[in-house]
Amino acid sequence: MSSAVPASSPASVQAPLERLEAGVAALVRWSESKHIRREIAQRSGCELAPSELRLLEFFDLVEPLRISVIAECLQVDISTVSLQLRQLRASRLVEAIPVEGDRRAIMIGITPKGRAAVGRVRSARRDLLRAVFAEVPDGRLEQAAELLLLVDEHMLAGLRAKLGTGAAGGTGPR
């Protein structure tokens, strides 16, 4: 008979990078759990599928881009991006921007309504994280934030390299 309590290894025998990876994995599991996603949707009023929300948050970091470039950056098929964009465009969270000199081409950019939705989602996440980390001193939270924002900067540097300089925004919430 199996126990409902997961096995864990003593933290003292794990190397710091292993502990950090375990913590990041736990945070990802927490943020991707149905309960938390549902709570964020309810608090923010943003009822997007997880993949659509990730795409909307991506647009909050970059200048308007062609769909093919978006697919390349996210390493997914153009048809996948197009499907996800349908709901975002229908909800007016992103918009198609004509490319000067090319009547067939469009770029996709986030709208003010889309930025507001991202802001509400991030606010709802912060509220839930505040409950999780209620007993943690601000200094420790700042240290954790600095470490985790290194991941964000690494990802943005890769994105800038793919797109050319200036196409991806800076780190931290907008």
C-alpha atoms as a PDB file:
ATOM      1  CA  MET A   1       0.000   0.000   0.000  1.00  0.00           C
ATOM      2  CA  SER A   2       1.402   3.399  -0.915  1.00  0.00           C
ATOM      3  CA  SER A   3       1.406   6.475   1.237  1.00  0.00           C
ATOM      4  CA  ALA A   4      -0.111   9.794   0.164  1.00  0.00           C
ATOM      5  CA  VAL A   5       2.904  11.646   1.576  1.00  0.00           C
ATOM      6  CA  PRO A   6       5.681  12.100  -1.005  1.00  0.00           C
ATOM      7  CA  ALA A   7       9.148  10.913  -0.153  1.00  0.00           C
ATOM      8  CA  SER A   8      11.743  13.627   0.207  1.00  0.00           C
ATOM      9  CA  SER A   9      15.472  13.638   0.614  1.00  0.00           C
ATOM     10  CA  PRO A  10      17.084  15.612   3.411  1.00  0.00           C
ATOM     11  CA  ALA A  11      17.887  19.109   2.190  1.00  0.00           C
ATOM     12  CA  SER A  12      21.268  19.016   3.910  1.00  0.00           C
ATOM     13  CA  VAL A  13      22.618  16.315   1.568  1.00  0.00           C
ATOM     14  CA  GLN A  14      21.616  18.121  -1.623  1.00  0.00           C
ATOM     15  CA  ALA A  15      23.933  20.554  -3.357  1.00  0.00           C
ATOM     16  CA  PRO A  16      22.677  24.169  -3.555  1.00  0.00           C
ATOM     17  CA  LEU A  17      21.932  23.916  -7.287  1.00  0.00           C
ATOM     18  CA  GLU A  18      19.911  20.723  -6.692  1.00  0.00           C
ATOM     19  CA  ARG A  19      17.924  22.482  -3.972  1.00  0.00           C
ATOM     20  CA  LEU A  20      17.343  25.490  -6.207  1.00  0.00           C
ATOM     21  CA  GLU A  21      16.161  23.248  -9.052  1.00  0.00           C
ATOM     22  CA  ALA A  22      13.814  21.419  -6.675  1.00  0.00           C
ATOM     23  CA  GLY A  23      12.415  24.739  -5.487  1.00  0.00           C
ATOM     24  CA  VAL A  24      11.920  26.043  -9.023  1.00  0.00           C
ATOM     25  CA  ALA A  25      10.224  22.763  -9.999  1.00  0.00           C
ATOM     26  CA  ALA A  26       7.907  23.072  -6.986  1.00  0.00           C
ATOM     27  CA  LEU A  27       7.051  26.655  -7.919  1.00  0.00           C
ATOM     28  CA  VAL A  28       6.269  25.606 -11.499  1.00  0.00           C
ATOM     29  CA  ARG A  29       4.050  22.744 -10.253  1.00  0.00           C
ATOM     30  CA  TRP A  30       2.281  25.171  -7.919  1.00  0.00           C
ATOM     31  CA  SER A  31       1.722  27.802 -10.615  1.00  0.00           C
ATOM     32  CA  GLU A  32       0.551  25.228 -13.183  1.00  0.00           C
ATOM     33  CA  SER A  33      -1.828  23.394 -10.849  1.00  0.00           C
ATOM     34  CA  LYS A  34      -5.489  23.549 -11.855  1.00  0.00           C
ATOM     35  CA  HIS A  35      -6.456  25.007  -8.487  1.00  0.00           C
ATOM     36  CA  ILE A  36      -3.996  27.913  -8.730  1.00  0.00           C
ATOM     37  CA  ARG A  37      -4.769  28.584 -12.410  1.00  0.00           C
ATOM     38  CA  ARG A  38      -8.482  28.641 -11.579  1.00  0.00           C
ATOM     39  CA  GLU A  39      -7.890  30.984  -8.623  1.00  0.00           C
ATOM     40  CA  ILE A  40      -5.795  33.358 -10.753  1.00  0.00           C
ATOM     41  CA  ALA A  41      -8.446  33.344 -13.494  1.00  0.00           C
ATOM     42  CA  GLN A  42     -11.178  34.087 -10.957  1.00  0.00           C
ATOM     43  CA  ARG A  43      -9.252  36.892  -9.242  1.00  0.00           C
ATOM     44  CA  SER A  44      -8.010  38.477 -12.475  1.00  0.00           C
ATOM     45  CA  GLY A  45     -11.059  37.956 -14.666  1.00  0.00           C
ATOM     46  CA  CYS A  46      -8.744  36.475 -17.308  1.00  0.00           C
ATOM     47  CA  GLU A  47     -10.108  33.109 -18.462  1.00  0.00           C
ATOM     48  CA  LEU A  48      -7.431  32.192 -21.015  1.00  0.00           C
ATOM     49  CA  ALA A  49      -6.013  28.715 -21.559  1.00  0.00           C
ATOM     50  CA  PRO A  50      -2.512  28.372 -20.043  1.00  0.00           C
ATOM     51  CA  SER A  51      -0.831  28.393 -23.466  1.00  0.00           C
ATOM     52  CA  GLU A  52      -2.721  31.543 -24.480  1.00  0.00           C
ATOM     53  CA  LEU A  53      -1.807  33.269 -21.225  1.00  0.00           C
ATOM     54  CA  ARG A  54       1.880  32.399 -21.710  1.00  0.00           C
ATOM     55  CA  LEU A  55       1.673  33.826 -25.230  1.00  0.00           C
ATOM     56  CA  LEU A  56       0.012  37.016 -23.965  1.00  0.00           C
ATOM     57  CA  GLU A  57       2.741  37.415 -21.342  1.00  0.00           C
ATOM     58  CA  PHE A  58       5.326  36.893 -24.106  1.00  0.00           C
ATOM     59  CA  PHE A  59       3.787  39.800 -26.057  1.00  0.00           C
ATOM     60  CA  ASP A  60       4.098  41.967 -22.952  1.00  0.00           C
ATOM     61  CA  LEU A  61       7.898  41.542 -23.228  1.00  0.00           C
ATOM     62  CA  VAL A  62       8.467  42.145 -26.931  1.00  0.00           C
ATOM     63  CA  GLU A  63       7.803  44.632 -29.680  1.00  0.00           C
ATOM     64  CA  PRO A  64       5.232  43.609 -32.315  1.00  0.00           C
ATOM     65  CA  LEU A  65       6.455  40.581 -34.289  1.00  0.00           C
ATOM     66  CA  ARG A  66       5.504  38.576 -37.360  1.00  0.00           C
ATOM     67  CA  ILE A  67       3.776  35.274 -36.595  1.00  0.00           C
ATOM     68  CA  SER A  68       6.661  33.312 -38.115  1.00  0.00           C
ATOM     69  CA  VAL A  69       9.127  35.053 -35.775  1.00  0.00           C
ATOM     70  CA  ILE A  70       6.888  34.384 -32.777  1.00  0.00           C
ATOM     71  CA  ALA A  71       6.769  30.683 -33.674  1.00  0.00           C
ATOM     72  CA  GLU A  72      10.546  30.593 -34.080  1.00  0.00           C
ATOM     73  CA  CYS A  73      11.137  32.321 -30.735  1.00  0.00           C
ATOM     74  CA  LEU A  74       8.768  29.971 -28.922  1.00  0.00           C
ATOM     75  CA  GLN A  75      10.021  26.965 -30.903  1.00  0.00           C
ATOM     76  CA  VAL A  76       6.541  25.916 -31.979  1.00  0.00           C
ATOM     77  CA  ASP A  77       4.802  25.504 -35.322  1.00  0.00           C
ATOM     78  CA  ILE A  78       3.232  28.549 -36.979  1.00  0.00           C
ATOM     79  CA  SER A  79      -0.148  26.782 -36.924  1.00  0.00           C
ATOM     80  CA  THR A  80       0.124  26.414 -33.130  1.00  0.00           C
ATOM     81  CA  VAL A  81       0.763  30.130 -32.697  1.00  0.00           C
ATOM     82  CA  SER A  82      -2.062  30.966 -35.109  1.00  0.00           C
ATOM     83  CA  LEU A  83      -4.535  28.881 -33.093  1.00  0.00           C
ATOM     84  CA  GLN A  84      -3.512  30.524 -29.830  1.00  0.00           C
ATOM     85  CA  LEU A  85      -3.710  33.971 -31.419  1.00  0.00           C
ATOM     86  CA  ARG A  86      -7.326  33.458 -32.487  1.00  0.00           C
ATOM     87  CA  GLN A  87      -8.682  33.774 -28.952  1.00  0.00           C
ATOM     88  CA  LEU A  88      -6.284  36.580 -28.036  1.00  0.00           C
ATOM     89  CA  ARG A  89      -7.302  38.568 -31.116  1.00  0.00           C
ATOM     90  CA  ALA A  90     -11.012  37.822 -30.639  1.00  0.00           C
ATOM     91  CA  SER A  91     -10.716  39.143 -27.076  1.00  0.00           C
ATOM     92  CA  ARG A  92      -8.803  42.178 -28.374  1.00  0.00           C
ATOM     93  CA  LEU A  93      -5.825  41.390 -26.147  1.00  0.00           C
ATOM     94  CA  VAL A  94      -3.472  41.493 -29.142  1.00  0.00           C
ATOM     95  CA  GLU A  95      -3.863  43.168 -32.504  1.00  0.00           C
ATOM     96  CA  ALA A  96      -2.673  42.731 -36.054  1.00  0.00           C
ATOM     97  CA  ILE A  97      -0.509  45.593 -37.237  1.00  0.00           C
ATOM     98  CA  PRO A  98      -0.019  46.015 -41.004  1.00  0.00           C
ATOM     99  CA  VAL A  99       3.574  45.988 -42.241  1.00  0.00           C
ATOM    100  CA  GLU A 100       4.366  49.063 -44.299  1.00  0.00           C
ATOM    101  CA  GLY A 101       5.195  48.158 -47.870  1.00  0.00           C
ATOM    102  CA  ASP A 102       3.874  44.569 -47.628  1.00  0.00           C
ATOM    103  CA  ARG A 103       0.093  44.328 -47.865  1.00  0.00           C
ATOM    104  CA  ARG A 104       0.094  40.607 -47.016  1.00  0.00           C
ATOM    105  CA  ALA A 105       2.262  40.779 -43.914  1.00  0.00           C
ATOM    106  CA  ILE A 106       1.136  41.611 -40.403  1.00  0.00           C
ATOM    107  CA  MET A 107       2.810  41.884 -37.066  1.00  0.00           C
ATOM    108  CA  ILE A 108       1.150  41.016 -33.786  1.00  0.00           C
ATOM    109  CA  GLY A 109       1.388  43.298 -30.770  1.00  0.00           C
ATOM    110  CA  ILE A 110      -0.239  43.492 -27.373  1.00  0.00           C
ATOM    111  CA  THR A 111      -3.056  46.013 -26.888  1.00  0.00           C
ATOM    112  CA  PRO A 112      -3.624  48.215 -23.839  1.00  0.00           C
ATOM    113  CA  LYS A 113      -6.424  45.801 -22.895  1.00  0.00           C
ATOM    114  CA  GLY A 114      -3.911  42.927 -23.141  1.00  0.00           C
ATOM    115  CA  ARG A 115      -1.391  44.750 -20.933  1.00  0.00           C
ATOM    116  CA  ALA A 116      -4.129  45.404 -18.394  1.00  0.00           C
ATOM    117  CA  ALA A 117      -5.056  41.697 -18.397  1.00  0.00           C
ATOM    118  CA  VAL A 118      -1.408  40.713 -17.847  1.00  0.00           C
ATOM    119  CA  GLY A 119      -1.251  43.219 -14.988  1.00  0.00           C
ATOM    120  CA  ARG A 120      -4.344  41.708 -13.340  1.00  0.00           C
ATOM    121  CA  VAL A 121      -2.955  38.177 -13.720  1.00  0.00           C
ATOM    122  CA  ARG A 122       0.371  39.189 -12.170  1.00  0.00           C
ATOM    123  CA  SER A 123      -1.415  40.962  -9.337  1.00  0.00           C
ATOM    124  CA  ALA A 124      -3.493  37.835  -8.638  1.00  0.00           C
ATOM    125  CA  ARG A 125      -0.315  35.707  -8.667  1.00  0.00           C
ATOM    126  CA  ARG A 126       1.361  38.088  -6.223  1.00  0.00           C
ATOM    127  CA  ASP A 127      -1.636  37.873  -3.892  1.00  0.00           C
ATOM    128  CA  LEU A 128      -1.413  34.072  -3.887  1.00  0.00           C
ATOM    129  CA  LEU A 129       2.372  34.119  -3.458  1.00  0.00           C
ATOM    130  CA  ARG A 130       1.981  36.587  -0.577  1.00  0.00           C
ATOM    131  CA  ALA A 131      -0.003  33.916   1.270  1.00  0.00           C
ATOM    132  CA  VAL A 132       2.617  31.237   0.519  1.00  0.00           C
ATOM    133  CA  PHE A 133       5.529  33.423   1.656  1.00  0.00           C
ATOM    134  CA  ALA A 134       3.764  35.306   4.464  1.00  0.00           C
ATOM    135  CA  GLU A 135       6.343  34.293   7.079  1.00  0.00           C
ATOM    136  CA  VAL A 136       9.425  34.918   4.924  1.00  0.00           C
ATOM    137  CA  PRO A 137      11.326  38.144   5.686  1.00  0.00           C
ATOM    138  CA  ASP A 138      11.545  40.696   2.865  1.00  0.00           C
ATOM    139  CA  GLY A 139      15.335  40.326   2.689  1.00  0.00           C
ATOM    140  CA  ARG A 140      15.072  36.631   1.859  1.00  0.00           C
ATOM    141  CA  LEU A 141      12.360  37.320  -0.715  1.00  0.00           C
ATOM    142  CA  GLU A 142      14.630  39.921  -2.329  1.00  0.00           C
ATOM    143  CA  GLN A 143      17.492  37.387  -2.521  1.00  0.00           C
ATOM    144  CA  ALA A 144      15.208  34.802  -4.105  1.00  0.00           C
ATOM    145  CA  ALA A 145      13.871  37.383  -6.565  1.00  0.00           C
ATOM    146  CA  GLU A 146      17.399  38.387  -7.601  1.00  0.00           C
ATOM    147  CA  LEU A 147      18.324  34.748  -8.253  1.00  0.00           C
ATOM    148  CA  LEU A 148      15.178  33.933 -10.190  1.00  0.00           C
ATOM    149  CA  LEU A 149      15.419  37.109 -12.260  1.00  0.00           C
ATOM    150  CA  LEU A 150      18.783  35.804 -13.495  1.00  0.00           C
ATOM    151  CA  VAL A 151      16.757  33.104 -15.273  1.00  0.00           C
ATOM    152  CA  ASP A 152      14.528  35.796 -16.777  1.00  0.00           C
ATOM    153  CA  GLU A 153      17.562  37.774 -17.956  1.00  0.00           C
ATOM    154  CA  HIS A 154      19.113  34.627 -19.464  1.00  0.00           C
ATOM    155  CA  MET A 155      15.892  33.905 -21.375  1.00  0.00           C
ATOM    156  CA  LEU A 156      15.584  37.512 -22.563  1.00  0.00           C
ATOM    157  CA  ALA A 157      19.214  37.525 -23.714  1.00  0.00           C
ATOM    158  CA  GLY A 158      18.478  34.446 -25.830  1.00  0.00           C
ATOM    159  CA  LEU A 159      15.354  36.113 -27.193  1.00  0.00           C
ATOM    160  CA  ARG A 160      17.301  39.289 -28.017  1.00  0.00           C
ATOM    161  CA  ALA A 161      19.910  37.192 -29.819  1.00  0.00           C
ATOM    162  CA  LYS A 162      17.180  35.573 -31.942  1.00  0.00           C
ATOM    163  CA  LEU A 163      15.411  38.828 -32.704  1.00  0.00           C
ATOM    164  CA  GLY A 164      18.269  41.288 -32.813  1.00  0.00           C
ATOM    165  CA  THR A 165      18.878  43.893 -30.128  1.00  0.00           C
ATOM    166  CA  GLY A 166      16.092  45.913 -28.599  1.00  0.00           C
ATOM    167  CA  ALA A 167      13.207  43.591 -29.410  1.00  0.00           C
ATOM    168  CA  ALA A 168      12.801  42.130 -25.932  1.00  0.00           C
ATOM    169  CA  GLY A 169      12.055  44.137 -22.821  1.00  0.00           C
ATOM    170  CA  GLY A 170      13.913  44.129 -19.545  1.00  0.00           C
ATOM    171  CA  THR A 171      13.487  41.925 -16.532  1.00  0.00           C
ATOM    172  CA  GLY A 172      10.849  42.196 -13.898  1.00  0.00           C
ATOM    173  CA  PRO A 173       7.139  42.896 -13.920  1.00  0.00           C
ATOM    174  CA  ARG A 174       5.792  45.575 -16.215  1.00  0.00           C
END
